[in-house]
Every structure is written in structure tokens, then in C-alpha cells.
Amino acid sequence: MIHSCPIQIRMADLDPFNHVNNGSQCHFYDYGRSLFYEEAFQKPIDWLNFEYVLAHLELDFKKPILIHDELVCETEVLEIRQHSMRLMQRLVDKKTQTVKGTCVSVVVRIDRQTYKTGLLPQEDCISLQKYINNE
């Protein structure tokens, strides 16, 4: 199962070449991850108590994103580990199905008091399992 959400492209996202700026694309992935967490864990995120942090980010910019592209951010789980999950995200033009960019991230569970990694709760692992692409 893949989580998908629409992305609104704004004028402020454009660079001098009229392409969406690389930094804005990072925001698109953040937004997609946030909505993914809410769907996977079936509750709104309480950012003051959320125990997952981004530990690694790997981006590939494949095609320019333009202001009139109908963009969606797709998110799926590549791997669930003891202390982390690895996610794959794609920015896709909904009209043409062209993949404009990809993002692989590692998200780690931490203890907010000690900043040490913690085990993923079993219920989170079960919730995330359905987003693993088994193709």
C-alpha cells in the first residue's frame, strides 16, 4: 500500500529558472511524511510528544517540477528495523505519472528526555507493515 497526498505548488517555491526549488522539494517530502504518519498511526501528530525524528535523507532530483504540475507525494515503507524505519517517497506528476524526484529517509524513534534511540513499539510496527511494498 502506498500513501499519497496532493502537493500545492506556490509561487514562492520557484527558483529563477521557474522550477520548484530543491529546498521546497524537501518541504514537500516533510509534508508527505507528516500525513503518512497520521494515516499509518491513525491519529493526529502531537509534535510536542512525537517520538520519531529524521536521521538520514537521500534525495534525487529527476525532472524539473513546474508550477502547473499536478504533484502528489507518495510514501511507502522500505524496511522496519528495531529502532527505525526506512521510507521511500516520490514526487509524481499526477497527469503524466512522471516521477519528478525521489527521497529515501531513515526515521528513528527517540526518547525525548534522553535523546537516545528506543525500540519501535509493536503497535507502530503493525501499523507500518501495511505500507511495505512487497512487489
N, C-alpha and C. Protein backbone atom coordinates (compact mmCIF):
# COMPACT_ATOMS: atom_id res chain seq x y z
N MET A 1 0.85 -1.17 0.00
CA MET A 1 0.00 0.00 0.00
C MET A 1 0.90 1.24 0.00
N ILE A 2 0.51 2.22 -0.78
CA ILE A 2 1.26 3.47 -0.86
C ILE A 2 0.37 4.61 -0.38
N HIS A 3 0.90 5.44 0.50
CA HIS A 3 0.18 6.64 0.92
C HIS A 3 0.45 7.73 -0.11
N SER A 4 -0.59 8.44 -0.50
CA SER A 4 -0.44 9.50 -1.49
C SER A 4 -1.18 10.74 -1.02
N CYS A 5 -0.55 11.91 -1.19
CA CYS A 5 -1.21 13.16 -0.84
C CYS A 5 -0.87 14.22 -1.89
N PRO A 6 -1.84 15.10 -2.17
CA PRO A 6 -1.57 16.18 -3.14
C PRO A 6 -0.64 17.23 -2.54
N ILE A 7 0.17 17.81 -3.40
CA ILE A 7 1.10 18.87 -3.00
C ILE A 7 0.71 20.14 -3.76
N GLN A 8 0.54 21.22 -3.03
CA GLN A 8 0.25 22.51 -3.65
C GLN A 8 1.57 23.23 -3.95
N ILE A 9 1.78 23.57 -5.19
CA ILE A 9 2.97 24.32 -5.60
C ILE A 9 2.63 25.81 -5.56
N ARG A 10 3.45 26.58 -4.89
CA ARG A 10 3.23 28.02 -4.74
C ARG A 10 4.30 28.81 -5.50
N MET A 11 4.01 30.04 -5.79
CA MET A 11 4.98 30.90 -6.47
C MET A 11 6.29 30.96 -5.68
N ALA A 12 6.20 30.99 -4.36
CA ALA A 12 7.40 31.10 -3.51
C ALA A 12 8.29 29.86 -3.61
N ASP A 13 7.76 28.76 -4.17
CA ASP A 13 8.54 27.53 -4.32
C ASP A 13 9.46 27.57 -5.54
N LEU A 14 9.29 28.56 -6.41
CA LEU A 14 10.02 28.59 -7.68
C LEU A 14 11.39 29.24 -7.53
N ASP A 15 12.33 28.75 -8.34
CA ASP A 15 13.67 29.34 -8.41
C ASP A 15 13.73 30.26 -9.64
N PRO A 16 14.88 30.89 -9.90
CA PRO A 16 14.97 31.80 -11.05
C PRO A 16 14.76 31.12 -12.41
N PHE A 17 14.79 29.80 -12.46
CA PHE A 17 14.55 29.06 -13.72
C PHE A 17 13.09 28.67 -13.86
N ASN A 18 12.23 29.12 -12.92
CA ASN A 18 10.81 28.75 -12.87
C ASN A 18 10.59 27.27 -12.58
N HIS A 19 11.55 26.63 -11.95
CA HIS A 19 11.41 25.26 -11.46
C HIS A 19 11.19 25.34 -9.96
N VAL A 20 10.60 24.30 -9.40
CA VAL A 20 10.47 24.26 -7.94
C VAL A 20 11.86 24.07 -7.35
N ASN A 21 12.20 24.92 -6.42
CA ASN A 21 13.49 24.95 -5.74
C ASN A 21 13.72 23.63 -4.97
N ASN A 22 14.98 23.19 -4.90
CA ASN A 22 15.32 21.95 -4.19
C ASN A 22 14.89 21.99 -2.73
N GLY A 23 15.05 23.13 -2.08
CA GLY A 23 14.65 23.25 -0.68
C GLY A 23 13.15 23.07 -0.50
N SER A 24 12.38 23.61 -1.44
CA SER A 24 10.92 23.43 -1.38
C SER A 24 10.55 21.97 -1.53
N GLN A 25 11.31 21.25 -2.35
CA GLN A 25 11.02 19.83 -2.51
C GLN A 25 11.20 19.08 -1.19
N CYS A 26 12.18 19.50 -0.38
CA CYS A 26 12.35 18.90 0.95
C CYS A 26 11.11 19.12 1.81
N HIS A 27 10.52 20.32 1.71
CA HIS A 27 9.28 20.61 2.44
C HIS A 27 8.14 19.71 1.96
N PHE A 28 8.09 19.45 0.66
CA PHE A 28 7.05 18.57 0.13
C PHE A 28 7.16 17.17 0.74
N TYR A 29 8.39 16.67 0.84
CA TYR A 29 8.60 15.34 1.44
C TYR A 29 8.23 15.36 2.93
N ASP A 30 8.59 16.43 3.64
CA ASP A 30 8.22 16.56 5.05
C ASP A 30 6.70 16.51 5.22
N TYR A 31 6.02 17.25 4.38
CA TYR A 31 4.55 17.29 4.44
C TYR A 31 3.98 15.89 4.17
N GLY A 32 4.50 15.22 3.14
CA GLY A 32 4.05 13.86 2.83
C GLY A 32 4.29 12.89 3.98
N ARG A 33 5.47 13.02 4.63
CA ARG A 33 5.77 12.16 5.78
C ARG A 33 4.81 12.42 6.93
N SER A 34 4.50 13.69 7.17
CA SER A 34 3.59 14.05 8.26
C SER A 34 2.20 13.43 8.06
N LEU A 35 1.67 13.57 6.85
CA LEU A 35 0.36 12.98 6.57
C LEU A 35 0.42 11.45 6.59
N PHE A 36 1.55 10.90 6.15
CA PHE A 36 1.74 9.45 6.21
C PHE A 36 1.67 8.96 7.66
N TYR A 37 2.40 9.63 8.58
CA TYR A 37 2.38 9.24 9.99
C TYR A 37 0.95 9.26 10.53
N GLU A 38 0.22 10.32 10.22
CA GLU A 38 -1.14 10.43 10.74
C GLU A 38 -2.03 9.31 10.23
N GLU A 39 -1.88 8.96 8.95
CA GLU A 39 -2.69 7.86 8.41
C GLU A 39 -2.24 6.52 8.99
N ALA A 40 -0.93 6.28 9.02
CA ALA A 40 -0.42 4.99 9.50
C ALA A 40 -0.75 4.76 10.97
N PHE A 41 -0.58 5.80 11.79
CA PHE A 41 -0.79 5.65 13.23
C PHE A 41 -2.22 6.00 13.64
N GLN A 42 -3.06 6.40 12.68
CA GLN A 42 -4.48 6.66 12.90
C GLN A 42 -4.76 7.70 13.98
N LYS A 43 -3.94 8.77 14.01
CA LYS A 43 -4.19 9.86 14.94
C LYS A 43 -3.39 11.09 14.51
N PRO A 44 -3.89 12.27 14.87
CA PRO A 44 -3.13 13.50 14.56
C PRO A 44 -1.80 13.49 15.32
N ILE A 45 -0.80 14.07 14.72
CA ILE A 45 0.51 14.13 15.36
C ILE A 45 0.53 15.22 16.43
N ASP A 46 0.96 14.86 17.60
CA ASP A 46 1.23 15.83 18.67
C ASP A 46 2.74 16.06 18.62
N TRP A 47 3.16 17.15 17.95
CA TRP A 47 4.58 17.37 17.71
C TRP A 47 5.38 17.57 18.99
N LEU A 48 4.74 17.93 20.08
CA LEU A 48 5.46 18.10 21.35
C LEU A 48 5.79 16.75 21.99
N ASN A 49 5.12 15.69 21.54
CA ASN A 49 5.35 14.37 22.12
C ASN A 49 5.73 13.31 21.09
N PHE A 50 5.76 13.66 19.82
CA PHE A 50 6.07 12.70 18.75
C PHE A 50 7.50 12.18 18.94
N GLU A 51 7.69 10.88 18.86
CA GLU A 51 8.97 10.27 19.21
C GLU A 51 9.80 9.81 18.02
N TYR A 52 9.49 10.33 16.83
CA TYR A 52 10.25 9.95 15.65
C TYR A 52 10.96 11.18 15.09
N VAL A 53 12.23 11.02 14.73
CA VAL A 53 13.00 12.10 14.12
C VAL A 53 13.69 11.61 12.86
N LEU A 54 13.91 12.53 11.96
CA LEU A 54 14.59 12.23 10.71
C LEU A 54 16.08 12.10 10.98
N ALA A 55 16.67 10.95 10.61
CA ALA A 55 18.09 10.71 10.87
C ALA A 55 18.93 10.73 9.59
N HIS A 56 18.30 10.47 8.45
CA HIS A 56 19.04 10.40 7.18
C HIS A 56 18.10 10.76 6.05
N LEU A 57 18.62 11.49 5.07
CA LEU A 57 17.84 11.89 3.92
C LEU A 57 18.69 11.77 2.67
N GLU A 58 18.15 11.16 1.66
CA GLU A 58 18.84 10.95 0.38
C GLU A 58 17.89 11.39 -0.72
N LEU A 59 18.25 12.42 -1.48
CA LEU A 59 17.36 12.98 -2.49
C LEU A 59 17.93 12.80 -3.89
N ASP A 60 17.04 12.53 -4.84
CA ASP A 60 17.38 12.53 -6.25
C ASP A 60 16.39 13.42 -6.97
N PHE A 61 16.91 14.41 -7.70
CA PHE A 61 16.09 15.33 -8.47
C PHE A 61 16.11 14.84 -9.91
N LYS A 62 15.01 14.22 -10.35
CA LYS A 62 15.00 13.52 -11.64
C LYS A 62 14.54 14.41 -12.80
N LYS A 63 13.49 15.18 -12.60
CA LYS A 63 12.93 16.05 -13.64
C LYS A 63 12.50 17.36 -12.99
N PRO A 64 12.55 18.45 -13.73
CA PRO A 64 12.10 19.73 -13.16
C PRO A 64 10.61 19.66 -12.79
N ILE A 65 10.28 20.27 -11.67
CA ILE A 65 8.88 20.42 -11.26
C ILE A 65 8.48 21.84 -11.60
N LEU A 66 7.36 21.97 -12.32
CA LEU A 66 6.89 23.27 -12.79
C LEU A 66 5.61 23.67 -12.06
N ILE A 67 5.29 24.94 -12.09
CA ILE A 67 4.18 25.50 -11.32
C ILE A 67 2.85 24.82 -11.61
N HIS A 68 2.61 24.39 -12.83
CA HIS A 68 1.31 23.80 -13.18
C HIS A 68 1.28 22.27 -13.11
N ASP A 69 2.35 21.66 -12.66
CA ASP A 69 2.33 20.21 -12.46
C ASP A 69 1.32 19.87 -11.37
N GLU A 70 0.56 18.81 -11.56
CA GLU A 70 -0.34 18.31 -10.52
C GLU A 70 0.45 17.28 -9.72
N LEU A 71 1.05 17.73 -8.65
CA LEU A 71 2.02 16.93 -7.91
C LEU A 71 1.38 16.17 -6.76
N VAL A 72 1.80 14.93 -6.60
CA VAL A 72 1.45 14.15 -5.41
C VAL A 72 2.74 13.62 -4.80
N CYS A 73 2.71 13.44 -3.49
CA CYS A 73 3.83 12.82 -2.77
C CYS A 73 3.38 11.43 -2.34
N GLU A 74 4.08 10.42 -2.83
CA GLU A 74 3.79 9.03 -2.46
C GLU A 74 4.80 8.58 -1.43
N THR A 75 4.32 7.86 -0.42
CA THR A 75 5.19 7.36 0.65
C THR A 75 4.91 5.89 0.88
N GLU A 76 5.99 5.11 0.98
CA GLU A 76 5.86 3.70 1.35
C GLU A 76 7.02 3.33 2.27
N VAL A 77 6.87 2.23 2.96
CA VAL A 77 7.90 1.75 3.88
C VAL A 77 8.79 0.75 3.14
N LEU A 78 10.08 0.98 3.17
CA LEU A 78 11.04 0.03 2.59
C LEU A 78 11.44 -1.04 3.60
N GLU A 79 11.59 -0.61 4.86
CA GLU A 79 12.10 -1.54 5.87
C GLU A 79 11.73 -1.03 7.27
N ILE A 80 11.40 -1.98 8.14
CA ILE A 80 11.17 -1.67 9.55
C ILE A 80 12.27 -2.37 10.33
N ARG A 81 12.98 -1.58 11.12
CA ARG A 81 14.06 -2.12 11.95
C ARG A 81 13.67 -1.97 13.42
N GLN A 82 14.55 -2.39 14.32
CA GLN A 82 14.26 -2.30 15.75
C GLN A 82 14.04 -0.87 16.22
N HIS A 83 14.92 0.04 15.79
CA HIS A 83 14.90 1.42 16.26
C HIS A 83 14.48 2.43 15.19
N SER A 84 14.23 1.95 13.97
CA SER A 84 14.00 2.89 12.87
C SER A 84 13.15 2.28 11.77
N MET A 85 12.77 3.14 10.86
CA MET A 85 12.10 2.72 9.63
C MET A 85 12.76 3.44 8.47
N ARG A 86 12.77 2.78 7.33
CA ARG A 86 13.32 3.39 6.12
C ARG A 86 12.15 3.60 5.17
N LEU A 87 11.99 4.83 4.70
CA LEU A 87 10.87 5.20 3.84
C LEU A 87 11.35 5.57 2.45
N MET A 88 10.50 5.32 1.46
CA MET A 88 10.73 5.77 0.09
C MET A 88 9.59 6.71 -0.25
N GLN A 89 9.95 7.88 -0.79
CA GLN A 89 8.95 8.83 -1.23
C GLN A 89 9.25 9.24 -2.67
N ARG A 90 8.19 9.55 -3.38
CA ARG A 90 8.30 10.01 -4.76
C ARG A 90 7.42 11.23 -4.95
N LEU A 91 7.91 12.21 -5.68
CA LEU A 91 7.08 13.31 -6.15
C LEU A 91 6.70 12.98 -7.59
N VAL A 92 5.41 12.83 -7.83
CA VAL A 92 4.91 12.34 -9.11
C VAL A 92 3.92 13.34 -9.70
N ASP A 93 4.08 13.62 -11.00
CA ASP A 93 3.09 14.43 -11.71
C ASP A 93 1.89 13.53 -11.97
N LYS A 94 0.78 13.88 -11.37
CA LYS A 94 -0.43 13.05 -11.44
C LYS A 94 -0.95 12.91 -12.87
N LYS A 95 -0.80 13.96 -13.68
CA LYS A 95 -1.31 13.92 -15.07
C LYS A 95 -0.51 12.96 -15.94
N THR A 96 0.82 13.00 -15.81
CA THR A 96 1.68 12.23 -16.72
C THR A 96 2.29 10.99 -16.06
N GLN A 97 2.13 10.86 -14.73
CA GLN A 97 2.75 9.79 -13.95
C GLN A 97 4.28 9.83 -13.99
N THR A 98 4.83 11.00 -14.34
CA THR A 98 6.28 11.17 -14.36
C THR A 98 6.80 11.35 -12.94
N VAL A 99 7.81 10.54 -12.57
CA VAL A 99 8.46 10.71 -11.27
C VAL A 99 9.43 11.87 -11.39
N LYS A 100 9.18 12.92 -10.62
CA LYS A 100 9.99 14.13 -10.68
C LYS A 100 11.16 14.08 -9.70
N GLY A 101 11.01 13.32 -8.61
CA GLY A 101 12.08 13.21 -7.63
C GLY A 101 11.80 12.08 -6.66
N THR A 102 12.86 11.62 -6.01
CA THR A 102 12.71 10.56 -5.01
C THR A 102 13.47 10.94 -3.74
N CYS A 103 13.01 10.35 -2.65
CA CYS A 103 13.61 10.60 -1.35
C CYS A 103 13.60 9.31 -0.54
N VAL A 104 14.76 8.89 -0.08
CA VAL A 104 14.85 7.78 0.85
C VAL A 104 15.25 8.38 2.19
N SER A 105 14.50 8.04 3.23
CA SER A 105 14.80 8.60 4.55
C SER A 105 14.83 7.50 5.59
N VAL A 106 15.60 7.74 6.62
CA VAL A 106 15.60 6.88 7.80
C VAL A 106 15.05 7.71 8.94
N VAL A 107 14.03 7.18 9.57
CA VAL A 107 13.37 7.84 10.69
C VAL A 107 13.58 6.98 11.92
N VAL A 108 14.09 7.61 12.98
CA VAL A 108 14.48 6.89 14.19
C VAL A 108 13.54 7.26 15.34
N ARG A 109 13.23 6.28 16.16
CA ARG A 109 12.45 6.55 17.37
C ARG A 109 13.43 6.96 18.47
N ILE A 110 13.10 8.06 19.16
CA ILE A 110 13.97 8.53 20.24
C ILE A 110 13.17 8.75 21.52
N ASP A 111 13.88 8.71 22.62
CA ASP A 111 13.33 9.10 23.91
C ASP A 111 13.51 10.61 23.99
N ARG A 112 12.45 11.36 24.14
CA ARG A 112 12.52 12.83 24.11
C ARG A 112 13.25 13.42 25.31
N GLN A 113 13.40 12.65 26.38
CA GLN A 113 14.10 13.14 27.56
C GLN A 113 15.61 12.93 27.45
N THR A 114 16.03 11.75 26.94
CA THR A 114 17.45 11.40 26.91
C THR A 114 18.08 11.56 25.52
N TYR A 115 17.24 11.70 24.49
CA TYR A 115 17.69 11.75 23.09
C TYR A 115 18.38 10.46 22.65
N LYS A 116 18.10 9.36 23.32
CA LYS A 116 18.63 8.06 22.92
C LYS A 116 17.57 7.32 22.10
N THR A 117 18.07 6.46 21.21
CA THR A 117 17.13 5.70 20.39
C THR A 117 16.37 4.70 21.25
N GLY A 118 15.16 4.43 20.82
CA GLY A 118 14.32 3.45 21.51
C GLY A 118 13.74 2.47 20.50
N LEU A 119 13.25 1.38 20.98
CA LEU A 119 12.62 0.38 20.12
C LEU A 119 11.30 0.90 19.57
N LEU A 120 10.99 0.54 18.34
CA LEU A 120 9.69 0.87 17.79
C LEU A 120 8.65 0.03 18.52
N PRO A 121 7.58 0.66 19.00
CA PRO A 121 6.53 -0.12 19.65
C PRO A 121 5.91 -1.12 18.69
N GLN A 122 5.52 -2.26 19.20
CA GLN A 122 4.92 -3.31 18.38
C GLN A 122 3.71 -2.80 17.61
N GLU A 123 2.88 -1.96 18.25
CA GLU A 123 1.68 -1.45 17.56
C GLU A 123 2.06 -0.54 16.40
N ASP A 124 3.17 0.20 16.51
CA ASP A 124 3.63 1.02 15.39
C ASP A 124 4.12 0.13 14.24
N CYS A 125 4.84 -0.92 14.59
CA CYS A 125 5.34 -1.85 13.56
C CYS A 125 4.18 -2.48 12.79
N ILE A 126 3.13 -2.85 13.51
CA ILE A 126 1.95 -3.45 12.87
C ILE A 126 1.29 -2.42 11.95
N SER A 127 1.17 -1.17 12.41
CA SER A 127 0.57 -0.11 11.60
C SER A 127 1.38 0.17 10.34
N LEU A 128 2.71 0.13 10.46
CA LEU A 128 3.59 0.42 9.33
C LEU A 128 3.66 -0.72 8.32
N GLN A 129 3.42 -1.95 8.79
CA GLN A 129 3.57 -3.15 7.97
C GLN A 129 2.76 -3.08 6.67
N LYS A 130 1.57 -2.50 6.73
CA LYS A 130 0.72 -2.48 5.54
C LYS A 130 1.24 -1.56 4.44
N TYR A 131 2.22 -0.72 4.76
CA TYR A 131 2.79 0.20 3.77
C TYR A 131 4.08 -0.34 3.16
N ILE A 132 4.44 -1.56 3.49
CA ILE A 132 5.61 -2.17 2.86
C ILE A 132 5.19 -2.70 1.49
N ASN A 133 5.94 -2.29 0.48
CA ASN A 133 5.66 -2.74 -0.87
C ASN A 133 6.36 -4.09 -1.08
N ASN A 134 5.58 -5.13 -1.25
CA ASN A 134 6.12 -6.49 -1.38
C ASN A 134 6.22 -6.97 -2.82
N GLU A 135 6.32 -6.04 -3.75
CA GLU A 135 6.41 -6.45 -5.17
C GLU A 135 7.78 -7.03 -5.47
